[in-house]
Amino acid sequence: LLKESMKRSTMNLDLNPTTLLPARVSYILHPDDGSPTQIRIEIRYSDYRKTGNAEIPYHIERYVNGSLQLDIQINSVNLS
């Protein structure tokens, strides 16, 4: 049982090899009803821009089971 729940809670983080900034996060969700169905989630970060002292991704995409579900394009960032 412990091995299965550890497997369910695994998250993969891929870094850009040049900048070492996050490029992709992927993980698997399971329905609350205990069903063995797997829902694959992948979030991609790109178009990093220097804003103040931070590198901010201005383009974020979320894929659910391989299909693009959300596409965010940021126009400006204000760090206070």
C-alpha atoms as a PDB file:
ATOM      1  CA  LEU A   1       0.000   0.000   0.000  1.00  0.00           C
ATOM      2  CA  LEU A   2       2.783   2.450   0.853  1.00  0.00           C
ATOM      3  CA  LYS A   3       4.566   1.717  -2.421  1.00  0.00           C
ATOM      4  CA  GLU A   4       1.360   2.468  -4.392  1.00  0.00           C
ATOM      5  CA  SER A   5       0.718   5.781  -2.621  1.00  0.00           C
ATOM      6  CA  MET A   6       4.346   6.825  -3.156  1.00  0.00           C
ATOM      7  CA  LYS A   7       3.927   6.036  -6.841  1.00  0.00           C
ATOM      8  CA  ARG A   8       0.768   8.147  -6.931  1.00  0.00           C
ATOM      9  CA  SER A   9       2.486  11.145  -5.378  1.00  0.00           C
ATOM     10  CA  THR A  10       5.457  11.304  -7.763  1.00  0.00           C
ATOM     11  CA  MET A  11       6.101  14.574  -9.588  1.00  0.00           C
ATOM     12  CA  ASN A  12       8.673  15.094 -12.333  1.00  0.00           C
ATOM     13  CA  LEU A  13      10.406  18.444 -12.727  1.00  0.00           C
ATOM     14  CA  ASP A  14      12.376  19.075 -15.917  1.00  0.00           C
ATOM     15  CA  LEU A  15      14.831  21.963 -15.935  1.00  0.00           C
ATOM     16  CA  ASN A  16      16.158  23.829 -18.941  1.00  0.00           C
ATOM     17  CA  PRO A  17      19.759  22.552 -19.180  1.00  0.00           C
ATOM     18  CA  THR A  18      21.134  26.001 -20.002  1.00  0.00           C
ATOM     19  CA  THR A  19      19.246  28.255 -17.572  1.00  0.00           C
ATOM     20  CA  LEU A  20      18.264  25.639 -14.943  1.00  0.00           C
ATOM     21  CA  LEU A  21      14.799  27.218 -14.855  1.00  0.00           C
ATOM     22  CA  PRO A  22      11.711  24.949 -14.729  1.00  0.00           C
ATOM     23  CA  ALA A  23      10.635  23.909 -18.213  1.00  0.00           C
ATOM     24  CA  ARG A  24       8.029  21.260 -17.351  1.00  0.00           C
ATOM     25  CA  VAL A  25       6.269  19.734 -14.371  1.00  0.00           C
ATOM     26  CA  SER A  26       4.364  16.499 -14.811  1.00  0.00           C
ATOM     27  CA  TYR A  27       2.372  14.324 -12.456  1.00  0.00           C
ATOM     28  CA  ILE A  28      -0.582  11.948 -12.347  1.00  0.00           C
ATOM     29  CA  LEU A  29      -3.882  12.630 -10.572  1.00  0.00           C
ATOM     30  CA  HIS A  30      -6.373  10.009  -9.468  1.00  0.00           C
ATOM     31  CA  PRO A  31     -10.111  10.555  -8.948  1.00  0.00           C
ATOM     32  CA  ASP A  32     -11.309  10.965  -5.352  1.00  0.00           C
ATOM     33  CA  ASP A  33     -13.491   7.855  -5.658  1.00  0.00           C
ATOM     34  CA  GLY A  34     -10.427   5.569  -5.538  1.00  0.00           C
ATOM     35  CA  SER A  35     -10.746   4.608  -9.198  1.00  0.00           C
ATOM     36  CA  PRO A  36      -7.480   3.391 -10.787  1.00  0.00           C
ATOM     37  CA  THR A  37      -7.985   5.911 -13.614  1.00  0.00           C
ATOM     38  CA  GLN A  38      -4.897   8.013 -14.226  1.00  0.00           C
ATOM     39  CA  ILE A  39      -5.147  11.661 -15.264  1.00  0.00           C
ATOM     40  CA  ARG A  40      -1.828  12.864 -16.667  1.00  0.00           C
ATOM     41  CA  ILE A  41      -1.059  16.525 -16.030  1.00  0.00           C
ATOM     42  CA  GLU A  42       1.831  18.376 -17.663  1.00  0.00           C
ATOM     43  CA  ILE A  43       2.599  22.070 -17.190  1.00  0.00           C
ATOM     44  CA  ARG A  44       5.086  23.743 -19.527  1.00  0.00           C
ATOM     45  CA  TYR A  45       6.853  27.025 -18.761  1.00  0.00           C
ATOM     46  CA  SER A  46       8.525  29.128 -21.458  1.00  0.00           C
ATOM     47  CA  ASP A  47       9.358  32.664 -22.581  1.00  0.00           C
ATOM     48  CA  TYR A  48      11.175  33.525 -19.350  1.00  0.00           C
ATOM     49  CA  ARG A  49      11.873  37.226 -18.892  1.00  0.00           C
ATOM     50  CA  LYS A  50      13.874  39.064 -16.268  1.00  0.00           C
ATOM     51  CA  THR A  51      11.495  41.031 -14.029  1.00  0.00           C
ATOM     52  CA  GLY A  52      13.213  42.755 -11.136  1.00  0.00           C
ATOM     53  CA  ASN A  53      15.446  40.095  -9.602  1.00  0.00           C
ATOM     54  CA  ALA A  54      13.295  37.202 -10.833  1.00  0.00           C
ATOM     55  CA  GLU A  55      12.961  35.189 -14.032  1.00  0.00           C
ATOM     56  CA  ILE A  56       9.239  34.879 -14.788  1.00  0.00           C
ATOM     57  CA  PRO A  57       7.681  32.525 -17.371  1.00  0.00           C
ATOM     58  CA  TYR A  58       5.455  34.620 -19.617  1.00  0.00           C
ATOM     59  CA  HIS A  59       3.968  31.566 -21.330  1.00  0.00           C
ATOM     60  CA  ILE A  60       2.381  28.699 -19.362  1.00  0.00           C
ATOM     61  CA  GLU A  61       0.522  25.736 -20.864  1.00  0.00           C
ATOM     62  CA  ARG A  62      -1.355  22.970 -19.037  1.00  0.00           C
ATOM     63  CA  TYR A  63      -2.021  19.644 -20.728  1.00  0.00           C
ATOM     64  CA  VAL A  64      -4.474  17.059 -19.420  1.00  0.00           C
ATOM     65  CA  ASN A  65      -3.989  13.550 -20.825  1.00  0.00           C
ATOM     66  CA  GLY A  66      -1.966  15.040 -23.683  1.00  0.00           C
ATOM     67  CA  SER A  67      -4.529  17.667 -24.737  1.00  0.00           C
ATOM     68  CA  LEU A  68      -3.926  21.367 -24.263  1.00  0.00           C
ATOM     69  CA  GLN A  69      -6.434  22.540 -21.673  1.00  0.00           C
ATOM     70  CA  LEU A  70      -5.083  25.953 -20.677  1.00  0.00           C
ATOM     71  CA  ASP A  71      -2.787  28.397 -22.479  1.00  0.00           C
ATOM     72  CA  ILE A  72      -1.714  31.491 -20.545  1.00  0.00           C
ATOM     73  CA  GLN A  73       0.223  34.327 -22.149  1.00  0.00           C
ATOM     74  CA  ILE A  74       1.298  36.967 -19.621  1.00  0.00           C
ATOM     75  CA  ASN A  75       1.645  40.547 -20.869  1.00  0.00           C
ATOM     76  CA  SER A  76       3.235  42.200 -17.844  1.00  0.00           C
ATOM     77  CA  VAL A  77       4.333  41.423 -14.293  1.00  0.00           C
ATOM     78  CA  ASN A  78       4.630  43.788 -11.351  1.00  0.00           C
ATOM     79  CA  LEU A  79       6.633  42.476  -8.396  1.00  0.00           C
ATOM     80  CA  SER A  80       5.986  44.509  -5.252  1.00  0.00           C
END
